[in-house]
Each structure stands twice: as structure tokens, then as C-alpha cells.
Amino acid sequence: MRLFDVFLKIIKAFHLVDSEEFAQLKLDVKSWEEDAREGSEDKVKHFYGKMHKGVFTRLLMPIFYFFMLRQVTSIMNPEPQEQGERGLY
């Protein structure tokens, strides 16, 4: 799993775009990632390629996915606060 895969999974899980737009976004990401290699002239693509070169990032991506999923879920569905919390009396 790569970094952009995490974002694509979150977009798909929460239906943030329609299916046609998601398919196009997925194709755009795939074509961008093909050029993203260490040594690329574009600094962002160079960093992205370098970041995914080793095994460390690939091991952390599933954990990062669950962290991001929890964060997005808490934003989309906030839990009701009890009276008295956060100074609300």
C-alpha cells in the first residue's frame, strides 16, 4: 500500500466523489505514481519515490490508513459531548 492508496481508500469508503470521478482520480494517481521515482526532476515525485523505496513506509501504510480512517470518522460522526466537558456547563 502506498500513501496515495490510503487517501483513495478513504475517498471510496466515505463516497466523497461519485464513481466516475473516482475512477478518473484513480487513473490520474496511477499515472502520476508511475513517474514518481527517486531521481525524478520533479522534487515532489523524487521525494515520493524515495519515501516508498524501502520497506519501512510500506509497513507503516496500513497502520496510517487505520489512523486516518479513525480521524475522518470522528470528523464525519462526532460523538455527543457530556455536559460539563470542554467548559460547557
PDB file of N, CA and C in Angstrom:
ATOM      1  N   MET A   1       0.849  -1.169   0.000  1.00  0.00           N
ATOM      2  CA  MET A   1       0.000   0.000   0.000  1.00  0.00           C
ATOM      3  C   MET A   1       0.900   1.239   0.000  1.00  0.00           C
ATOM      4  N   ARG A   2       0.535   2.178  -0.833  1.00  0.00           N
ATOM      5  CA  ARG A   2       1.297   3.418  -0.945  1.00  0.00           C
ATOM      6  C   ARG A   2       0.484   4.559  -0.332  1.00  0.00           C
ATOM      7  N   LEU A   3       1.120   5.695  -0.162  1.00  0.00           N
ATOM      8  CA  LEU A   3       0.476   6.831   0.504  1.00  0.00           C
ATOM      9  C   LEU A   3      -0.813   7.239  -0.196  1.00  0.00           C
ATOM     10  N   PHE A   4      -0.783   7.354  -1.512  1.00  0.00           N
ATOM     11  CA  PHE A   4      -1.993   7.776  -2.218  1.00  0.00           C
ATOM     12  C   PHE A   4      -3.081   6.720  -2.153  1.00  0.00           C
ATOM     13  N   ASP A   5      -2.710   5.453  -1.975  1.00  0.00           N
ATOM     14  CA  ASP A   5      -3.713   4.399  -1.807  1.00  0.00           C
ATOM     15  C   ASP A   5      -4.533   4.627  -0.542  1.00  0.00           C
ATOM     16  N   VAL A   6      -3.893   5.130   0.494  1.00  0.00           N
ATOM     17  CA  VAL A   6      -4.597   5.429   1.745  1.00  0.00           C
ATOM     18  C   VAL A   6      -5.689   6.459   1.479  1.00  0.00           C
ATOM     19  N   PHE A   7      -5.328   7.530   0.778  1.00  0.00           N
ATOM     20  CA  PHE A   7      -6.303   8.575   0.502  1.00  0.00           C
ATOM     21  C   PHE A   7      -7.409   8.086  -0.433  1.00  0.00           C
ATOM     22  N   LEU A   8      -7.057   7.264  -1.413  1.00  0.00           N
ATOM     23  CA  LEU A   8      -8.072   6.719  -2.309  1.00  0.00           C
ATOM     24  C   LEU A   8      -9.052   5.827  -1.553  1.00  0.00           C
ATOM     25  N   LYS A   9      -8.550   5.023  -0.623  1.00  0.00           N
ATOM     26  CA  LYS A   9      -9.434   4.157   0.159  1.00  0.00           C
ATOM     27  C   LYS A   9     -10.394   4.969   1.024  1.00  0.00           C
ATOM     28  N   ILE A  10      -9.903   6.059   1.604  1.00  0.00           N
ATOM     29  CA  ILE A  10     -10.761   6.910   2.425  1.00  0.00           C
ATOM     30  C   ILE A  10     -11.811   7.598   1.560  1.00  0.00           C
ATOM     31  N   ILE A  11     -11.407   8.086   0.411  1.00  0.00           N
ATOM     32  CA  ILE A  11     -12.358   8.724  -0.511  1.00  0.00           C
ATOM     33  C   ILE A  11     -13.439   7.737  -0.921  1.00  0.00           C
ATOM     34  N   LYS A  12     -13.045   6.507  -1.201  1.00  0.00           N
ATOM     35  CA  LYS A  12     -14.021   5.496  -1.609  1.00  0.00           C
ATOM     36  C   LYS A  12     -14.918   5.078  -0.440  1.00  0.00           C
ATOM     37  N   ALA A  13     -14.341   4.910   0.744  1.00  0.00           N
ATOM     38  CA  ALA A  13     -15.113   4.451   1.904  1.00  0.00           C
ATOM     39  C   ALA A  13     -16.201   5.448   2.293  1.00  0.00           C
ATOM     40  N   PHE A  14     -15.934   6.731   2.158  1.00  0.00           N
ATOM     41  CA  PHE A  14     -16.895   7.744   2.558  1.00  0.00           C
ATOM     42  C   PHE A  14     -17.660   8.349   1.372  1.00  0.00           C
ATOM     43  N   HIS A  15     -17.457   7.777   0.188  1.00  0.00           N
ATOM     44  CA  HIS A  15     -18.174   8.227  -1.017  1.00  0.00           C
ATOM     45  C   HIS A  15     -18.056   9.748  -1.186  1.00  0.00           C
ATOM     46  N   LEU A  16     -16.814  10.244  -1.124  1.00  0.00           N
ATOM     47  CA  LEU A  16     -16.585  11.681  -1.216  1.00  0.00           C
ATOM     48  C   LEU A  16     -16.695  12.212  -2.639  1.00  0.00           C
ATOM     49  N   VAL A  17     -16.606  11.326  -3.614  1.00  0.00           N
ATOM     50  CA  VAL A  17     -16.811  11.700  -5.018  1.00  0.00           C
ATOM     51  C   VAL A  17     -17.660  10.610  -5.672  1.00  0.00           C
ATOM     52  N   ASP A  18     -18.279  10.945  -6.800  1.00  0.00           N
ATOM     53  CA  ASP A  18     -19.091   9.930  -7.484  1.00  0.00           C
ATOM     54  C   ASP A  18     -18.177   8.900  -8.159  1.00  0.00           C
ATOM     55  N   SER A  19     -18.754   7.821  -8.641  1.00  0.00           N
ATOM     56  CA  SER A  19     -17.971   6.693  -9.137  1.00  0.00           C
ATOM     57  C   SER A  19     -17.146   7.033 -10.376  1.00  0.00           C
ATOM     58  N   GLU A  20     -17.704   7.852 -11.270  1.00  0.00           N
ATOM     59  CA  GLU A  20     -16.947   8.234 -12.470  1.00  0.00           C
ATOM     60  C   GLU A  20     -15.742   9.094 -12.103  1.00  0.00           C
ATOM     61  N   GLU A  21     -15.952  10.030 -11.213  1.00  0.00           N
ATOM     62  CA  GLU A  21     -14.867  10.904 -10.779  1.00  0.00           C
ATOM     63  C   GLU A  21     -13.799  10.108 -10.021  1.00  0.00           C
ATOM     64  N   PHE A  22     -14.237   9.127  -9.234  1.00  0.00           N
ATOM     65  CA  PHE A  22     -13.287   8.298  -8.504  1.00  0.00           C
ATOM     66  C   PHE A  22     -12.438   7.469  -9.464  1.00  0.00           C
ATOM     67  N   ALA A  23     -13.074   6.917 -10.486  1.00  0.00           N
ATOM     68  CA  ALA A  23     -12.330   6.124 -11.468  1.00  0.00           C
ATOM     69  C   ALA A  23     -11.276   6.980 -12.169  1.00  0.00           C
ATOM     70  N   GLN A  24     -11.646   8.215 -12.527  1.00  0.00           N
ATOM     71  CA  GLN A  24     -10.694   9.114 -13.172  1.00  0.00           C
ATOM     72  C   GLN A  24      -9.572   9.500 -12.209  1.00  0.00           C
ATOM     73  N   LEU A  25      -9.915   9.752 -10.961  1.00  0.00           N
ATOM     74  CA  LEU A  25      -8.914  10.094  -9.953  1.00  0.00           C
ATOM     75  C   LEU A  25      -7.924   8.950  -9.754  1.00  0.00           C
ATOM     76  N   LYS A  26      -8.447   7.739  -9.738  1.00  0.00           N
ATOM     77  CA  LYS A  26      -7.592   6.562  -9.573  1.00  0.00           C
ATOM     78  C   LYS A  26      -6.622   6.424 -10.746  1.00  0.00           C
ATOM     79  N   LEU A  27      -7.107   6.660 -11.953  1.00  0.00           N
ATOM     80  CA  LEU A  27      -6.230   6.611 -13.133  1.00  0.00           C
ATOM     81  C   LEU A  27      -5.173   7.713 -13.089  1.00  0.00           C
ATOM     82  N   ASP A  28      -5.575   8.906 -12.667  1.00  0.00           N
ATOM     83  CA  ASP A  28      -4.629  10.015 -12.558  1.00  0.00           C
ATOM     84  C   ASP A  28      -3.538   9.719 -11.536  1.00  0.00           C
ATOM     85  N   VAL A  29      -3.937   9.145 -10.413  1.00  0.00           N
ATOM     86  CA  VAL A  29      -2.963   8.799  -9.377  1.00  0.00           C
ATOM     87  C   VAL A  29      -2.001   7.731  -9.889  1.00  0.00           C
ATOM     88  N   LYS A  30      -2.543   6.735 -10.578  1.00  0.00           N
ATOM     89  CA  LYS A  30      -1.690   5.666 -11.104  1.00  0.00           C
ATOM     90  C   LYS A  30      -0.666   6.207 -12.099  1.00  0.00           C
ATOM     91  N   SER A  31      -1.105   7.078 -12.996  1.00  0.00           N
ATOM     92  CA  SER A  31      -0.162   7.632 -13.972  1.00  0.00           C
ATOM     93  C   SER A  31       0.858   8.548 -13.297  1.00  0.00           C
ATOM     94  N   TRP A  32       0.442   9.288 -12.269  1.00  0.00           N
ATOM     95  CA  TRP A  32       1.382  10.148 -11.553  1.00  0.00           C
ATOM     96  C   TRP A  32       2.420   9.309 -10.811  1.00  0.00           C
ATOM     97  N   GLU A  33       1.969   8.227 -10.176  1.00  0.00           N
ATOM     98  CA  GLU A  33       2.880   7.371  -9.412  1.00  0.00           C
ATOM     99  C   GLU A  33       3.885   6.649 -10.308  1.00  0.00           C
ATOM    100  N   GLU A  34       3.516   6.371 -11.545  1.00  0.00           N
ATOM    101  CA  GLU A  34       4.456   5.713 -12.464  1.00  0.00           C
ATOM    102  C   GLU A  34       5.687   6.579 -12.709  1.00  0.00           C
ATOM    103  N   ASP A  35       5.510   7.886 -12.718  1.00  0.00           N
ATOM    104  CA  ASP A  35       6.623   8.808 -12.920  1.00  0.00           C
ATOM    105  C   ASP A  35       7.333   9.178 -11.623  1.00  0.00           C
ATOM    106  N   ALA A  36       6.736   8.860 -10.486  1.00  0.00           N
ATOM    107  CA  ALA A  36       7.292   9.256  -9.192  1.00  0.00           C
ATOM    108  C   ALA A  36       8.373   8.269  -8.773  1.00  0.00           C
ATOM    109  N   ARG A  37       9.593   8.588  -9.139  1.00  0.00           N
ATOM    110  CA  ARG A  37      10.737   7.735  -8.802  1.00  0.00           C
ATOM    111  C   ARG A  37      11.840   8.586  -8.206  1.00  0.00           C
ATOM    112  N   GLU A  38      12.668   7.927  -7.438  1.00  0.00           N
ATOM    113  CA  GLU A  38      13.848   8.605  -6.921  1.00  0.00           C
ATOM    114  C   GLU A  38      14.714   9.006  -8.109  1.00  0.00           C
ATOM    115  N   GLY A  39      15.163  10.237  -8.121  1.00  0.00           N
ATOM    116  CA  GLY A  39      15.948  10.727  -9.235  1.00  0.00           C
ATOM    117  C   GLY A  39      15.128  11.517 -10.240  1.00  0.00           C
ATOM    118  N   SER A  40      13.818  11.613 -10.014  1.00  0.00           N
ATOM    119  CA  SER A  40      12.957  12.389 -10.901  1.00  0.00           C
ATOM    120  C   SER A  40      13.307  13.870 -10.778  1.00  0.00           C
ATOM    121  N   GLU A  41      13.135  14.613 -11.858  1.00  0.00           N
ATOM    122  CA  GLU A  41      13.424  16.047 -11.834  1.00  0.00           C
ATOM    123  C   GLU A  41      12.446  16.806 -10.951  1.00  0.00           C
ATOM    124  N   ASP A  42      11.207  16.367 -10.899  1.00  0.00           N
ATOM    125  CA  ASP A  42      10.210  16.974 -10.024  1.00  0.00           C
ATOM    126  C   ASP A  42      10.532  16.574  -8.583  1.00  0.00           C
ATOM    127  N   LYS A  43      10.723  17.548  -7.708  1.00  0.00           N
ATOM    128  CA  LYS A  43      11.141  17.278  -6.330  1.00  0.00           C
ATOM    129  C   LYS A  43      10.086  16.492  -5.545  1.00  0.00           C
ATOM    130  N   VAL A  44       8.820  16.759  -5.808  1.00  0.00           N
ATOM    131  CA  VAL A  44       7.768  16.033  -5.101  1.00  0.00           C
ATOM    132  C   VAL A  44       7.766  14.570  -5.525  1.00  0.00           C
ATOM    133  N   LYS A  45       7.886  14.322  -6.814  1.00  0.00           N
ATOM    134  CA  LYS A  45       7.940  12.938  -7.305  1.00  0.00           C
ATOM    135  C   LYS A  45       9.200  12.242  -6.814  1.00  0.00           C
ATOM    136  N   HIS A  46      10.308  12.961  -6.750  1.00  0.00           N
ATOM    137  CA  HIS A  46      11.560  12.402  -6.231  1.00  0.00           C
ATOM    138  C   HIS A  46      11.372  11.972  -4.777  1.00  0.00           C
ATOM    139  N   PHE A  47      10.783  12.844  -3.959  1.00  0.00           N
ATOM    140  CA  PHE A  47      10.572  12.526  -2.544  1.00  0.00           C
ATOM    141  C   PHE A  47       9.604  11.358  -2.386  1.00  0.00           C
ATOM    142  N   TYR A  48       8.529  11.348  -3.172  1.00  0.00           N
ATOM    143  CA  TYR A  48       7.543  10.265  -3.095  1.00  0.00           C
ATOM    144  C   TYR A  48       8.187   8.929  -3.456  1.00  0.00           C
ATOM    145  N   GLY A  49       8.988   8.927  -4.517  1.00  0.00           N
ATOM    146  CA  GLY A  49       9.688   7.699  -4.912  1.00  0.00           C
ATOM    147  C   GLY A  49      10.686   7.248  -3.862  1.00  0.00           C
ATOM    148  N   LYS A  50      11.410   8.201  -3.299  1.00  0.00           N
ATOM    149  CA  LYS A  50      12.391   7.873  -2.268  1.00  0.00           C
ATOM    150  C   LYS A  50      11.705   7.351  -1.010  1.00  0.00           C
ATOM    151  N   MET A  51      10.571   7.941  -0.664  1.00  0.00           N
ATOM    152  CA  MET A  51       9.832   7.538   0.533  1.00  0.00           C
ATOM    153  C   MET A  51       9.332   6.093   0.414  1.00  0.00           C
ATOM    154  N   HIS A  52       8.934   5.683  -0.793  1.00  0.00           N
ATOM    155  CA  HIS A  52       8.371   4.341  -0.986  1.00  0.00           C
ATOM    156  C   HIS A  52       9.408   3.318  -1.428  1.00  0.00           C
ATOM    157  N   LYS A  53      10.664   3.718  -1.475  1.00  0.00           N
ATOM    158  CA  LYS A  53      11.709   2.806  -1.935  1.00  0.00           C
ATOM    159  C   LYS A  53      11.939   1.660  -0.941  1.00  0.00           C
ATOM    160  N   GLY A  54      11.990   1.961   0.318  1.00  0.00           N
ATOM    161  CA  GLY A  54      12.263   0.952   1.328  1.00  0.00           C
ATOM    162  C   GLY A  54      11.011   0.262   1.828  1.00  0.00           C
ATOM    163  N   VAL A  55      11.214  -0.685   2.690  1.00  0.00           N
ATOM    164  CA  VAL A  55      10.110  -1.475   3.219  1.00  0.00           C
ATOM    165  C   VAL A  55       9.422  -0.770   4.391  1.00  0.00           C
ATOM    166  N   PHE A  56      10.103   0.147   5.051  1.00  0.00           N
ATOM    167  CA  PHE A  56       9.572   0.796   6.245  1.00  0.00           C
ATOM    168  C   PHE A  56       8.248   1.505   5.965  1.00  0.00           C
ATOM    169  N   THR A  57       8.199   2.300   4.929  1.00  0.00           N
ATOM    170  CA  THR A  57       6.973   3.037   4.601  1.00  0.00           C
ATOM    171  C   THR A  57       5.848   2.082   4.231  1.00  0.00           C
ATOM    172  N   ARG A  58       6.169   1.056   3.492  1.00  0.00           N
ATOM    173  CA  ARG A  58       5.123   0.101   3.089  1.00  0.00           C
ATOM    174  C   ARG A  58       4.565  -0.643   4.292  1.00  0.00           C
ATOM    175  N   LEU A  59       5.383  -0.851   5.323  1.00  0.00           N
ATOM    176  CA  LEU A  59       4.878  -1.486   6.535  1.00  0.00           C
ATOM    177  C   LEU A  59       3.980  -0.543   7.336  1.00  0.00           C
ATOM    178  N   LEU A  60       4.278   0.734   7.306  1.00  0.00           N
ATOM    179  CA  LEU A  60       3.510   1.694   8.089  1.00  0.00           C
ATOM    180  C   LEU A  60       2.203   2.132   7.430  1.00  0.00           C
ATOM    181  N   MET A  61       2.072   1.988   6.140  1.00  0.00           N
ATOM    182  CA  MET A  61       0.889   2.485   5.444  1.00  0.00           C
ATOM    183  C   MET A  61      -0.422   1.879   5.950  1.00  0.00           C
ATOM    184  N   PRO A  62      -0.520   0.583   6.214  1.00  0.00           N
ATOM    185  CA  PRO A  62      -1.792   0.065   6.758  1.00  0.00           C
ATOM    186  C   PRO A  62      -2.134   0.663   8.117  1.00  0.00           C
ATOM    187  N   ILE A  63      -1.142   0.878   8.953  1.00  0.00           N
ATOM    188  CA  ILE A  63      -1.378   1.493  10.258  1.00  0.00           C
ATOM    189  C   ILE A  63      -1.817   2.939  10.070  1.00  0.00           C
ATOM    190  N   PHE A  64      -1.158   3.649   9.153  1.00  0.00           N
ATOM    191  CA  PHE A  64      -1.536   5.022   8.839  1.00  0.00           C
ATOM    192  C   PHE A  64      -2.966   5.074   8.306  1.00  0.00           C
ATOM    193  N   TYR A  65      -3.351   4.077   7.509  1.00  0.00           N
ATOM    194  CA  TYR A  65      -4.706   4.022   6.969  1.00  0.00           C
ATOM    195  C   TYR A  65      -5.734   3.950   8.096  1.00  0.00           C
ATOM    196  N   PHE A  66      -5.519   3.071   9.079  1.00  0.00           N
ATOM    197  CA  PHE A  66      -6.470   2.946  10.179  1.00  0.00           C
ATOM    198  C   PHE A  66      -6.513   4.220  11.019  1.00  0.00           C
ATOM    199  N   PHE A  67      -5.369   4.865  11.212  1.00  0.00           N
ATOM    200  CA  PHE A  67      -5.336   6.128  11.937  1.00  0.00           C
ATOM    201  C   PHE A  67      -6.152   7.184  11.201  1.00  0.00           C
ATOM    202  N   MET A  68      -5.916   7.315   9.897  1.00  0.00           N
ATOM    203  CA  MET A  68      -6.635   8.315   9.109  1.00  0.00           C
ATOM    204  C   MET A  68      -8.130   7.997   9.038  1.00  0.00           C
ATOM    205  N   LEU A  69      -8.466   6.725   8.924  1.00  0.00           N
ATOM    206  CA  LEU A  69      -9.866   6.320   8.885  1.00  0.00           C
ATOM    207  C   LEU A  69     -10.568   6.728  10.176  1.00  0.00           C
ATOM    208  N   ARG A  70      -9.906   6.518  11.308  1.00  0.00           N
ATOM    209  CA  ARG A  70     -10.491   6.904  12.593  1.00  0.00           C
ATOM    210  C   ARG A  70     -10.660   8.422  12.682  1.00  0.00           C
ATOM    211  N   GLN A  71      -9.669   9.165  12.204  1.00  0.00           N
ATOM    212  CA  GLN A  71      -9.756  10.629  12.252  1.00  0.00           C
ATOM    213  C   GLN A  71     -10.909  11.137  11.384  1.00  0.00           C
ATOM    214  N   VAL A  72     -11.030  10.620  10.189  1.00  0.00           N
ATOM    215  CA  VAL A  72     -12.095  11.058   9.289  1.00  0.00           C
ATOM    216  C   VAL A  72     -13.454  10.656   9.845  1.00  0.00           C
ATOM    217  N   THR A  73     -13.549   9.463  10.406  1.00  0.00           N
ATOM    218  CA  THR A  73     -14.806   9.009  11.004  1.00  0.00           C
ATOM    219  C   THR A  73     -15.221   9.916  12.145  1.00  0.00           C
ATOM    220  N   SER A  74     -14.270  10.316  12.983  1.00  0.00           N
ATOM    221  CA  SER A  74     -14.610  11.186  14.108  1.00  0.00           C
ATOM    222  C   SER A  74     -15.027  12.575  13.641  1.00  0.00           C
ATOM    223  N   ILE A  75     -14.505  13.025  12.527  1.00  0.00           N
ATOM    224  CA  ILE A  75     -14.913  14.322  11.984  1.00  0.00           C
ATOM    225  C   ILE A  75     -16.313  14.222  11.375  1.00  0.00           C
ATOM    226  N   MET A  76     -16.562  13.150  10.649  1.00  0.00           N
ATOM    227  CA  MET A  76     -17.847  12.995   9.970  1.00  0.00           C
ATOM    228  C   MET A  76     -18.976  12.651  10.956  1.00  0.00           C
ATOM    229  N   ASN A  77     -18.659  11.926  12.024  1.00  0.00           N
ATOM    230  CA  ASN A  77     -19.661  11.497  13.008  1.00  0.00           C
ATOM    231  C   ASN A  77     -19.172  11.834  14.407  1.00  0.00           C
ATOM    232  N   PRO A  78     -19.239  13.088  14.803  1.00  0.00           N
ATOM    233  CA  PRO A  78     -18.729  13.441  16.139  1.00  0.00           C
ATOM    234  C   PRO A  78     -19.591  12.823  17.236  1.00  0.00           C
ATOM    235  N   GLU A  79     -18.934  12.409  18.296  1.00  0.00           N
ATOM    236  CA  GLU A  79     -19.658  11.845  19.428  1.00  0.00           C
ATOM    237  C   GLU A  79     -20.235  12.991  20.252  1.00  0.00           C
ATOM    238  N   PRO A  80     -21.454  12.818  20.740  1.00  0.00           N
ATOM    239  CA  PRO A  80     -22.033  13.890  21.567  1.00  0.00           C
ATOM    240  C   PRO A  80     -21.232  14.031  22.866  1.00  0.00           C
ATOM    241  N   GLN A  81     -20.965  15.272  23.247  1.00  0.00           N
ATOM    242  CA  GLN A  81     -20.195  15.531  24.459  1.00  0.00           C
ATOM    243  C   GLN A  81     -21.119  15.565  25.667  1.00  0.00           C
ATOM    244  N   GLU A  82     -20.602  15.057  26.780  1.00  0.00           N
ATOM    245  CA  GLU A  82     -21.384  15.117  28.011  1.00  0.00           C
ATOM    246  C   GLU A  82     -21.373  16.545  28.517  1.00  0.00           C
ATOM    247  N   GLN A  83     -22.408  16.907  29.261  1.00  0.00           N
ATOM    248  CA  GLN A  83     -22.471  18.243  29.846  1.00  0.00           C
ATOM    249  C   GLN A  83     -21.277  18.405  30.793  1.00  0.00           C
ATOM    250  N   GLY A  84     -20.670  19.557  30.778  1.00  0.00           N
ATOM    251  CA  GLY A  84     -19.543  19.819  31.656  1.00  0.00           C
ATOM    252  C   GLY A  84     -18.203  19.643  30.978  1.00  0.00           C
ATOM    253  N   GLU A  85     -18.116  18.885  29.915  1.00  0.00           N
ATOM    254  CA  GLU A  85     -16.867  18.719  29.203  1.00  0.00           C
ATOM    255  C   GLU A  85     -16.576  19.955  28.367  1.00  0.00           C
ATOM    256  N   ARG A  86     -15.328  20.258  28.240  1.00  0.00           N
ATOM    257  CA  ARG A  86     -14.864  21.388  27.437  1.00  0.00           C
ATOM    258  C   ARG A  86     -15.448  22.718  27.881  1.00  0.00           C
ATOM    259  N   GLY A  87     -15.742  22.810  29.155  1.00  0.00           N
ATOM    260  CA  GLY A  87     -16.221  24.086  29.687  1.00  0.00           C
ATOM    261  C   GLY A  87     -17.656  24.415  29.350  1.00  0.00           C
ATOM    262  N   LEU A  88     -18.433  23.444  28.914  1.00  0.00           N
ATOM    263  CA  LEU A  88     -19.836  23.690  28.577  1.00  0.00           C
ATOM    264  C   LEU A  88     -20.697  23.297  29.785  1.00  0.00           C
ATOM    265  N   TYR A  89     -21.081  24.251  30.588  1.00  0.00           N
ATOM    266  CA  TYR A  89     -21.871  23.957  31.786  1.00  0.00           C
ATOM    267  C   TYR A  89     -23.287  24.414  31.621  1.00  0.00           C
TER     268      TYR A  89
END
